[in-house]
Amino acid sequence: MEEKQAANPGAALTAGDIEQVAGGDGTCTTTLTVSSNEIGFSTTANSVGDALINTYDGVVDATSHVIETVAKSF
């Protein structure tokens, strides 16, 4: 099989080139789903980091709610 050489191997890619290779419209989201013992949630964000931050914030909020509920019961 014959190898094809790029027309200009050192040239920067254009946005159109990247879009064609990516096969998308330039937007991408990440969905993170966490579940355990019949409890679960899912979050969608623009990046993996944002999804993890949202997940962490959700766990902190849920934990805080439980602590507050237990504290008020005494």
Protein backbone atom coordinates (compact mmCIF):
# COMPACT_ATOMS: atom_id res chain seq x y z
CA MET A 1 0.00 0.00 0.00
CA GLU A 2 1.32 3.41 -0.93
CA GLU A 3 1.67 6.05 1.77
CA LYS A 4 0.29 9.48 0.96
CA GLN A 5 2.26 12.55 1.97
CA ALA A 6 0.46 15.56 3.42
CA ALA A 7 0.37 18.57 1.14
CA ASN A 8 1.90 20.82 3.80
CA PRO A 9 2.87 18.78 6.85
CA GLY A 10 3.86 21.78 9.01
CA ALA A 11 0.73 23.87 8.42
CA ALA A 12 -1.64 24.61 11.28
CA LEU A 13 -5.10 23.10 11.11
CA THR A 14 -8.02 25.39 10.42
CA ALA A 15 -11.26 25.28 12.39
CA GLY A 16 -12.90 23.65 9.37
CA ASP A 17 -10.23 20.93 9.28
CA ILE A 18 -10.70 20.19 12.97
CA GLU A 19 -14.49 20.11 12.64
CA GLN A 20 -14.25 17.70 9.73
CA VAL A 21 -11.98 15.33 11.66
CA ALA A 22 -14.03 15.62 14.87
CA GLY A 23 -17.26 14.99 13.03
CA GLY A 24 -19.17 17.42 15.19
CA ASP A 25 -20.36 20.97 15.35
CA GLY A 26 -17.62 22.16 17.70
CA THR A 27 -19.59 21.64 20.90
CA CYS A 28 -19.05 18.75 23.26
CA THR A 29 -20.52 17.89 26.63
CA THR A 30 -19.57 15.36 29.26
CA THR A 31 -22.10 13.37 31.24
CA LEU A 32 -21.12 11.82 34.55
CA THR A 33 -23.41 9.27 36.18
CA VAL A 34 -22.87 8.06 39.74
CA SER A 35 -25.01 5.44 41.46
CA SER A 36 -24.81 3.20 44.50
CA ASN A 37 -27.39 1.23 46.48
CA GLU A 38 -30.36 2.40 44.38
CA ILE A 39 -29.35 6.06 44.75
CA GLY A 40 -27.96 7.80 41.73
CA PHE A 41 -27.65 11.02 39.82
CA SER A 42 -26.31 12.30 36.56
CA THR A 43 -24.78 15.63 35.61
CA THR A 44 -23.89 17.10 32.24
CA ALA A 45 -21.24 19.79 31.82
CA ASN A 46 -18.97 21.31 29.19
CA SER A 47 -15.88 19.46 30.45
CA VAL A 48 -14.87 16.53 32.60
CA GLY A 49 -13.56 18.93 35.25
CA ASP A 50 -16.88 20.78 35.41
CA ALA A 51 -18.76 17.47 35.67
CA LEU A 52 -16.56 16.36 38.57
CA ILE A 53 -16.99 19.72 40.32
CA ASN A 54 -20.77 19.50 39.92
CA THR A 55 -20.72 15.96 41.29
CA TYR A 56 -18.60 16.96 44.28
CA ASP A 57 -20.86 19.94 45.02
CA GLY A 58 -23.91 17.67 44.85
CA VAL A 59 -22.41 15.17 47.28
CA VAL A 60 -21.45 17.98 49.68
CA ASP A 61 -25.00 19.43 49.49
CA ALA A 62 -26.58 16.02 50.12
CA THR A 63 -24.28 15.32 53.06
CA SER A 64 -24.96 18.75 54.53
CA HIS A 65 -28.70 18.15 54.22
CA VAL A 66 -28.45 14.82 56.06
CA ILE A 67 -26.33 16.31 58.85
CA GLU A 68 -28.71 19.23 59.27
CA THR A 69 -31.77 16.94 59.33
CA VAL A 70 -30.21 14.68 61.96
CA ALA A 71 -29.06 17.65 64.06
CA LYS A 72 -32.56 19.17 64.03
CA SER A 73 -34.09 15.89 65.19
CA PHE A 74 -32.44 16.13 68.62
